[in-house]
């Protein structure tokens, strides 16, 4: 287009000098620099804050997010659940039940498993070594201890393995769940042997961070969890968010796909190995860096090097500001080129002046992008 304008200038005015000045004043460099310099500054600033963004396209997706979904255990909670109730249902003591559960669960990476093992270690229980061990993602674990089949997990896993759960026990589980506790069912030799209930502490900054996310105009924040509905409802009520409970990892993926089909740009916040598929499916997967497993951090597009929910609205605010800066760079460069070409084509700007003027937008674009680096914080 610039060459066409220069040819038209020469054809109409007959001035080769004006035509040359028209070509010289056009600043294509600033247009090419407008986006990468801003992305580089934004990603660099985020890294200094402990927010690792794995590429410019995820920064762009983060700026467009309109739905945030999140895991519960280890993500909105501290990820260090403590055992509150140990209820044997057959012959045997609480210690027997806890020892069997901990012997199996110590091979698991789930936060609930860690809580059971820590409770057993506090009481100095002797733990066995499973001779067989199976992980059922999102449901629990199964194996053998001294030749005896043992299962620890959700009601879904227990029922799927053909183990009966009496109605009074279901009611007891419902009462524990209503208090916000997560309940692990323990079965031995094909019979339900007992219940282990755990509770986890909500991260103190989550409620404020959810409020900041809403302040950014993100209307939907959804809790996706494998916990039973009463426990999920208790946490969701405290945070004022939507929830979907009793989800397997594959069902979390389906929930995100459903939102994406509805036209939403989805960010998923998670920490565990069970969250990795959902983190990968989301437009932007955000992994809690300290509590998060290696699988979750690898699958995510953004990793937080501190388990601080305040970093999530901060990252979204940064991405949005970055794209405002890109728009400023492009509009300034376009306006500058338009004025410069007009002055050069009309003979007001000689070639030497045009060559000097051509470099000015590069400096302005770099300085404008560098403002992102100087900011102390990018608040919602």
Protein backbone atom coordinates (compact mmCIF):
# COMPACT_ATOMS: atom_id res chain seq x y z
CA UNK A 1 0.00 0.00 0.00
CA UNK A 2 2.86 2.35 0.82
CA UNK A 3 4.51 1.63 -2.54
CA UNK A 4 1.20 2.30 -4.30
CA UNK A 5 0.89 5.64 -2.48
CA UNK A 6 4.49 6.52 -3.43
CA UNK A 7 3.83 5.73 -7.11
CA UNK A 8 0.63 7.78 -7.00
CA UNK A 9 2.57 10.66 -5.42
CA UNK A 10 5.11 10.58 -8.24
CA UNK A 11 2.45 10.20 -10.92
CA UNK A 12 0.36 13.11 -9.63
CA UNK A 13 3.01 15.55 -8.40
CA UNK A 14 6.01 14.42 -10.44
CA UNK A 15 8.26 14.65 -7.38
CA UNK A 16 10.65 11.74 -6.99
CA UNK A 17 11.83 13.23 -3.68
CA UNK A 18 8.32 13.16 -2.20
CA UNK A 19 7.82 9.59 -3.47
CA UNK A 20 11.10 8.44 -1.83
CA UNK A 21 10.18 10.23 1.43
CA UNK A 22 6.81 8.45 1.43
CA UNK A 23 8.52 5.06 1.33
CA UNK A 24 11.12 6.04 3.95
CA UNK A 25 8.67 7.37 6.54
CA UNK A 26 6.56 4.19 6.65
CA UNK A 27 7.45 2.26 9.80
CA UNK A 28 6.79 -1.44 9.37
CA UNK A 29 9.20 -2.31 12.19
CA UNK A 30 6.95 -0.81 14.87
CA UNK A 31 3.98 -2.82 13.61
CA UNK A 32 6.06 -6.00 13.75
CA UNK A 33 7.29 -5.13 17.26
CA UNK A 34 3.93 -4.14 18.73
CA UNK A 35 2.93 -7.62 19.87
CA UNK A 36 6.17 -9.53 20.67
CA UNK A 37 7.69 -6.78 22.79
CA UNK A 38 4.51 -6.58 24.86
CA UNK A 39 4.22 -10.35 25.26
CA UNK A 40 7.90 -10.55 26.24
CA UNK A 41 7.45 -7.83 28.86
CA UNK A 42 4.27 -9.42 30.24
CA UNK A 43 5.71 -12.94 30.43
CA UNK A 44 8.91 -11.58 32.00
CA UNK A 45 7.01 -9.62 34.64
CA UNK A 46 4.83 -12.64 35.41
CA UNK A 47 7.90 -14.86 35.83
CA UNK A 48 9.35 -12.42 38.36
CA UNK A 49 6.09 -12.72 40.31
CA UNK A 50 6.21 -16.51 40.20
CA UNK A 51 3.66 -16.94 37.41
CA UNK A 52 5.11 -19.06 34.59
CA UNK A 53 3.21 -18.56 31.33
CA UNK A 54 4.18 -21.14 28.72
CA UNK A 55 3.81 -18.94 25.63
CA UNK A 56 2.11 -15.88 24.20
CA UNK A 57 -0.97 -17.74 22.95
CA UNK A 58 -1.86 -18.74 26.51
CA UNK A 59 -1.45 -15.12 27.60
CA UNK A 60 -3.95 -14.21 24.87
CA UNK A 61 -6.37 -16.97 25.94
CA UNK A 62 -6.08 -15.85 29.57
CA UNK A 63 -7.10 -12.34 28.55
CA UNK A 64 -10.29 -13.72 26.99
CA UNK A 65 -11.31 -16.12 29.78
CA UNK A 66 -14.96 -15.77 30.82
CA UNK A 67 -15.39 -18.95 32.92
CA UNK A 68 -13.09 -20.24 35.68
CA UNK A 69 -13.49 -23.84 36.88
CA UNK A 70 -11.55 -25.28 39.78
CA UNK A 71 -10.81 -28.47 41.62
CA UNK A 72 -11.51 -28.70 45.36
CA UNK A 73 -9.02 -30.81 47.33
CA UNK A 74 -5.58 -29.23 47.30
CA UNK A 75 -6.74 -26.38 45.07
CA UNK A 76 -9.31 -24.36 47.00
CA UNK A 77 -8.40 -26.23 50.18
CA UNK A 78 -4.97 -26.50 51.79
CA UNK A 79 -4.49 -30.04 50.53
CA UNK A 80 -3.62 -31.36 54.01
CA UNK A 81 -6.83 -33.04 55.17
CA UNK A 82 -6.95 -34.32 58.73
CA UNK A 83 -8.78 -37.45 59.86
CA UNK A 84 -11.74 -36.49 62.09
CA UNK A 85 -13.70 -39.76 62.34
CA UNK A 86 -12.70 -43.42 62.13
CA UNK A 87 -15.79 -45.62 62.22
CA UNK A 88 -15.33 -49.43 62.10
CA UNK A 89 -18.47 -51.26 60.98
CA UNK A 90 -17.36 -54.85 61.62
CA UNK A 91 -15.26 -56.57 64.25
CA UNK A 92 -12.06 -54.69 64.91
CA UNK A 93 -10.83 -51.45 66.43
CA UNK A 94 -10.41 -47.98 64.98
CA UNK A 95 -6.68 -48.66 64.87
CA UNK A 96 -7.21 -51.81 62.78
CA UNK A 97 -9.35 -49.89 60.30
CA UNK A 98 -6.94 -46.95 60.08
CA UNK A 99 -3.92 -49.26 59.73
CA UNK A 100 -5.49 -51.18 56.83
CA UNK A 101 -6.52 -47.96 55.06
CA UNK A 102 -3.14 -46.30 55.56
CA UNK A 103 -1.21 -49.40 54.43
CA UNK A 104 -3.00 -49.22 51.09
CA UNK A 105 -3.27 -45.45 50.76
CA UNK A 106 0.43 -44.78 51.28
CA UNK A 107 0.95 -45.89 47.67
CA UNK A 108 -1.48 -43.18 46.47
CA UNK A 109 -0.67 -39.54 45.65
CA UNK A 110 -4.13 -38.17 46.53
CA UNK A 111 -4.27 -35.58 49.38
CA UNK A 112 -6.90 -37.66 51.22
CA UNK A 113 -4.51 -40.61 51.15
CA UNK A 114 -1.79 -38.42 52.63
CA UNK A 115 -4.14 -37.40 55.44
CA UNK A 116 -4.93 -41.02 56.29
CA UNK A 117 -1.25 -41.98 56.30
CA UNK A 118 -0.33 -39.03 58.53
CA UNK A 119 -3.08 -39.99 61.00
CA UNK A 120 -1.71 -43.54 61.19
CA UNK A 121 1.84 -42.29 61.68
CA UNK A 122 0.75 -39.96 64.50
CA UNK A 123 -0.57 -42.94 66.44
CA UNK A 124 2.49 -45.04 65.58
CA UNK A 125 0.48 -47.76 63.85
CA UNK A 126 2.29 -50.58 62.09
CA UNK A 127 1.63 -50.41 58.35
CA UNK A 128 1.72 -53.33 55.94
CA UNK A 129 2.95 -53.51 52.36
CA UNK A 130 0.39 -54.19 49.61
CA UNK A 131 1.19 -57.20 47.45
CA UNK A 132 -1.14 -55.85 44.77
CA UNK A 133 -2.09 -52.23 44.16
CA UNK A 134 -4.47 -50.60 41.68
CA UNK A 135 -5.42 -46.95 41.20
CA UNK A 136 -8.95 -46.15 40.06
CA UNK A 137 -8.67 -42.48 38.95
CA UNK A 138 -11.15 -40.28 40.75
CA UNK A 139 -12.56 -43.22 42.70
CA UNK A 140 -9.90 -44.67 45.00
CA UNK A 141 -7.44 -47.53 45.31
CA UNK A 142 -7.59 -51.31 45.68
CA UNK A 143 -5.08 -54.00 46.55
CA UNK A 144 -4.17 -56.89 48.81
CA UNK A 145 -2.71 -56.86 52.31
CA UNK A 146 -1.42 -60.20 53.59
CA UNK A 147 -3.59 -61.91 51.00
CA UNK A 148 -6.75 -60.00 52.00
CA UNK A 149 -8.47 -57.79 49.36
CA UNK A 150 -8.76 -54.18 50.57
CA UNK A 151 -10.49 -51.26 48.86
CA UNK A 152 -10.42 -47.58 49.85
CA UNK A 153 -12.48 -45.10 47.88
CA UNK A 154 -15.79 -43.57 46.92
CA UNK A 155 -19.25 -45.05 47.05
CA UNK A 156 -19.10 -45.41 43.28
CA UNK A 157 -15.99 -47.63 43.47
CA UNK A 158 -17.40 -49.73 46.32
CA UNK A 159 -20.69 -50.26 44.47
CA UNK A 160 -18.94 -51.03 41.18
CA UNK A 161 -16.97 -53.78 42.88
CA UNK A 162 -20.23 -55.33 44.08
CA UNK A 163 -19.86 -54.44 47.76
CA UNK A 164 -23.14 -53.63 49.48
CA UNK A 165 -23.58 -50.37 51.41
CA UNK A 166 -26.49 -50.59 53.90
CA UNK A 167 -28.92 -47.67 54.01
CA UNK A 168 -28.04 -46.68 57.62
CA UNK A 169 -24.42 -46.34 56.52
CA UNK A 170 -25.46 -44.15 53.58
CA UNK A 171 -27.28 -41.90 56.03
CA UNK A 172 -24.20 -41.72 58.26
CA UNK A 173 -22.08 -40.77 55.24
CA UNK A 174 -24.61 -38.09 54.28
CA UNK A 175 -24.43 -36.60 57.78
CA UNK A 176 -20.62 -36.48 57.68
CA UNK A 177 -20.66 -34.97 54.18
CA UNK A 178 -23.15 -32.31 55.27
CA UNK A 179 -20.49 -31.12 57.72
CA UNK A 180 -18.13 -30.60 54.77
CA UNK A 181 -16.15 -33.78 55.40
CA UNK A 182 -14.80 -36.14 52.75
CA UNK A 183 -15.60 -39.78 53.50
CA UNK A 184 -13.43 -42.71 52.41
CA UNK A 185 -15.13 -46.11 52.44
CA UNK A 186 -12.90 -49.03 53.46
CA UNK A 187 -13.82 -52.56 52.39
CA UNK A 188 -12.04 -55.76 53.42
CA UNK A 189 -12.63 -59.24 51.97
CA UNK A 190 -15.61 -58.03 49.95
CA UNK A 191 -17.41 -56.38 52.91
CA UNK A 192 -17.68 -52.74 53.96
CA UNK A 193 -15.37 -52.57 56.98
CA UNK A 194 -15.64 -48.93 57.98
CA UNK A 195 -15.53 -45.23 57.19
CA UNK A 196 -12.72 -42.72 57.50
CA UNK A 197 -13.84 -39.07 57.42
CA UNK A 198 -11.44 -36.20 56.78
CA UNK A 199 -11.78 -32.46 56.66
CA UNK A 200 -9.60 -29.94 54.88
CA UNK A 201 -9.12 -26.25 55.56
CA UNK A 202 -10.23 -23.77 52.93
CA UNK A 203 -7.36 -21.60 51.70
CA UNK A 204 -7.83 -18.23 53.43
CA UNK A 205 -7.28 -16.16 50.28
CA UNK A 206 -9.65 -18.07 47.98
CA UNK A 207 -12.84 -16.14 48.81
CA UNK A 208 -11.16 -12.77 48.19
CA UNK A 209 -9.57 -14.05 44.97
CA UNK A 210 -12.92 -15.30 43.68
CA UNK A 211 -14.32 -11.82 44.37
CA UNK A 212 -11.48 -10.26 42.36
CA UNK A 213 -12.09 -12.71 39.51
CA UNK A 214 -15.74 -11.61 39.44
CA UNK A 215 -14.62 -7.97 39.52
CA UNK A 216 -12.76 -8.66 36.26
CA UNK A 217 -16.12 -9.41 34.65
CA UNK A 218 -15.87 -13.19 34.80
CA UNK A 219 -19.42 -14.11 35.72
CA UNK A 220 -19.11 -17.87 36.19
CA UNK A 221 -16.82 -19.60 38.68
CA UNK A 222 -17.51 -23.33 38.99
CA UNK A 223 -16.24 -25.93 41.46
CA UNK A 224 -15.69 -29.36 39.84
CA UNK A 225 -14.99 -32.10 42.36
CA UNK A 226 -15.13 -35.83 42.88
CA UNK A 227 -16.50 -35.33 46.41
CA UNK A 228 -20.11 -36.09 47.26
CA UNK A 229 -22.66 -33.36 46.70
CA UNK A 230 -23.15 -32.30 50.36
CA UNK A 231 -19.41 -31.74 50.89
CA UNK A 232 -19.11 -29.88 47.59
CA UNK A 233 -22.20 -27.78 48.37
CA UNK A 234 -20.74 -26.74 51.74
CA UNK A 235 -17.53 -25.41 50.12
CA UNK A 236 -19.38 -23.83 47.16
CA UNK A 237 -21.72 -22.01 49.55
CA UNK A 238 -18.79 -20.51 51.43
CA UNK A 239 -17.25 -19.26 48.19
CA UNK A 240 -20.49 -18.28 46.47
CA UNK A 241 -19.78 -20.33 43.34
CA UNK A 242 -21.53 -22.96 41.23
CA UNK A 243 -20.54 -26.61 41.68
CA UNK A 244 -20.71 -30.04 40.10
CA UNK A 245 -19.97 -32.98 42.39
CA UNK A 246 -19.07 -36.68 42.19
CA UNK A 247 -17.15 -36.23 38.93
CA UNK A 248 -14.53 -38.59 37.60
CA UNK A 249 -11.54 -37.06 35.75
CA UNK A 250 -13.16 -37.92 32.40
CA UNK A 251 -16.38 -36.21 33.52
CA UNK A 252 -14.46 -33.05 34.39
CA UNK A 253 -13.17 -33.02 30.81
CA UNK A 254 -16.73 -33.39 29.53
CA UNK A 255 -17.86 -30.49 31.72
CA UNK A 256 -15.14 -28.27 30.26
CA UNK A 257 -15.93 -29.41 26.71
CA UNK A 258 -19.59 -28.54 27.31
CA UNK A 259 -18.64 -25.02 28.36
CA UNK A 260 -16.37 -24.66 25.33
CA UNK A 261 -19.15 -25.78 22.98
CA UNK A 262 -21.31 -23.05 24.51
CA UNK A 263 -18.71 -20.56 23.32
CA UNK A 264 -16.91 -19.92 26.60
CA UNK A 265 -13.16 -19.49 27.05
CA UNK A 266 -12.38 -21.68 30.06
CA UNK A 267 -9.60 -21.51 32.62
CA UNK A 268 -9.14 -24.58 34.83
CA UNK A 269 -7.32 -24.40 38.18
CA UNK A 270 -6.04 -27.69 39.61
CA UNK A 271 -3.22 -29.37 41.43
CA UNK A 272 -3.42 -33.16 41.27
CA UNK A 273 -2.61 -35.94 38.84
CA UNK A 274 -6.36 -36.45 38.39
CA UNK A 275 -6.65 -32.81 37.22
CA UNK A 276 -4.02 -33.12 34.47
CA UNK A 277 -6.45 -34.16 31.66
CA UNK A 278 -8.84 -31.31 32.53
CA UNK A 279 -5.96 -28.82 32.71
CA UNK A 280 -4.87 -29.88 29.22
CA UNK A 281 -8.44 -29.66 27.86
CA UNK A 282 -9.09 -26.14 29.16
CA UNK A 283 -8.20 -23.11 27.04
CA UNK A 284 -5.88 -22.16 29.89
CA UNK A 285 -4.84 -24.72 32.51
CA UNK A 286 -3.48 -23.17 35.72
CA UNK A 287 -1.54 -25.46 38.08
CA UNK A 288 -0.81 -24.77 41.72
CA UNK A 289 2.97 -24.99 41.71
CA UNK A 290 3.87 -26.06 45.24
CA UNK A 291 0.96 -28.36 46.07
CA UNK A 292 0.64 -29.43 42.45
CA UNK A 293 1.93 -32.74 41.14
CA UNK A 294 4.47 -32.89 38.32
CA UNK A 295 1.78 -34.23 35.98
CA UNK A 296 -0.50 -31.26 36.67
CA UNK A 297 2.30 -28.72 36.19
CA UNK A 298 3.37 -30.39 32.94
CA UNK A 299 -0.19 -30.45 31.55
CA UNK A 300 -0.98 -26.86 32.55
CA UNK A 301 -0.34 -23.77 30.44
CA UNK A 302 0.29 -21.51 33.44
CA UNK A 303 2.08 -22.64 36.61
CA UNK A 304 1.99 -20.76 39.91
CA UNK A 305 5.22 -21.04 41.84
CA UNK A 306 3.38 -20.17 45.05
CA UNK A 307 0.09 -21.70 46.17
CA UNK A 308 -1.54 -18.28 46.36
CA UNK A 309 -4.94 -17.76 44.74
CA UNK A 310 -4.35 -13.99 44.59
CA UNK A 311 -1.95 -14.73 41.72
CA UNK A 312 -4.81 -15.94 39.51
CA UNK A 313 -6.75 -12.64 39.20
CA UNK A 314 -3.37 -10.91 39.01
CA UNK A 315 -2.40 -13.06 36.00
CA UNK A 316 -5.74 -12.39 34.30
CA UNK A 317 -5.41 -8.65 34.92
CA UNK A 318 -1.85 -8.72 33.53
CA UNK A 319 -2.95 -10.50 30.35
CA UNK A 320 -5.75 -8.00 29.77
CA UNK A 321 -3.47 -5.05 30.33
CA UNK A 322 -0.93 -6.59 27.94
CA UNK A 323 -3.51 -6.70 25.18
CA UNK A 324 -4.53 -3.12 25.85
CA UNK A 325 -0.86 -2.19 25.41
CA UNK A 326 -0.71 -4.15 22.13
CA UNK A 327 -3.76 -2.24 20.89
CA UNK A 328 -2.15 1.07 21.90
CA UNK A 329 1.05 0.13 20.05
CA UNK A 330 -0.82 -0.79 16.87
CA UNK A 331 -3.11 2.23 16.88
CA UNK A 332 -0.21 4.61 17.56
CA UNK A 333 1.89 3.07 14.78
CA UNK A 334 -1.00 3.18 12.32
CA UNK A 335 -1.80 6.82 13.15
CA UNK A 336 1.87 7.82 13.03
CA UNK A 337 2.33 6.16 9.64
CA UNK A 338 -0.80 7.81 8.27
CA UNK A 339 0.35 11.29 9.33
CA UNK A 340 3.93 10.68 8.20
CA UNK A 341 2.89 9.39 4.77
CA UNK A 342 0.54 12.34 4.32
CA UNK A 343 3.30 14.85 5.17
CA UNK A 344 5.85 13.07 2.95
CA UNK A 345 3.50 12.73 -0.02
CA UNK A 346 2.59 16.41 0.20
CA UNK A 347 6.25 17.45 0.20
CA UNK A 348 6.35 18.75 3.77
CA UNK A 349 8.71 16.01 4.95
CA UNK A 350 12.01 15.56 3.03
CA UNK A 351 13.73 12.15 2.73
CA UNK A 352 16.28 12.90 5.48
CA UNK A 353 13.51 13.93 7.87
CA UNK A 354 11.44 10.90 6.83
CA UNK A 355 14.36 8.55 7.59
CA UNK A 356 14.80 10.15 11.03
CA UNK A 357 11.07 10.07 11.76
CA UNK A 358 10.85 6.40 10.76
CA UNK A 359 12.72 5.24 13.89
CA UNK A 360 10.64 7.15 16.43
CA UNK A 361 7.69 4.66 16.60
CA UNK A 362 10.12 1.82 17.41
CA UNK A 363 11.25 3.68 20.53
CA UNK A 364 7.69 4.58 21.54
CA UNK A 365 6.49 0.97 21.13
CA UNK A 366 9.37 -0.39 23.23
CA UNK A 367 8.86 2.20 25.97
CA UNK A 368 5.11 1.60 26.03
CA UNK A 369 5.62 -2.18 26.30
CA UNK A 370 8.25 -1.70 29.01
CA UNK A 371 5.61 -0.08 31.22
CA UNK A 372 4.44 -3.59 32.01
CA UNK A 373 7.84 -4.37 33.53
CA UNK A 374 7.82 -1.29 35.75
CA UNK A 375 4.44 -2.01 37.33
CA UNK A 376 4.52 -3.15 40.94
CA UNK A 377 1.33 -5.11 40.54
CA UNK A 378 -1.41 -5.57 37.98
CA UNK A 379 -4.60 -5.38 39.98
CA UNK A 380 -8.10 -6.29 38.78
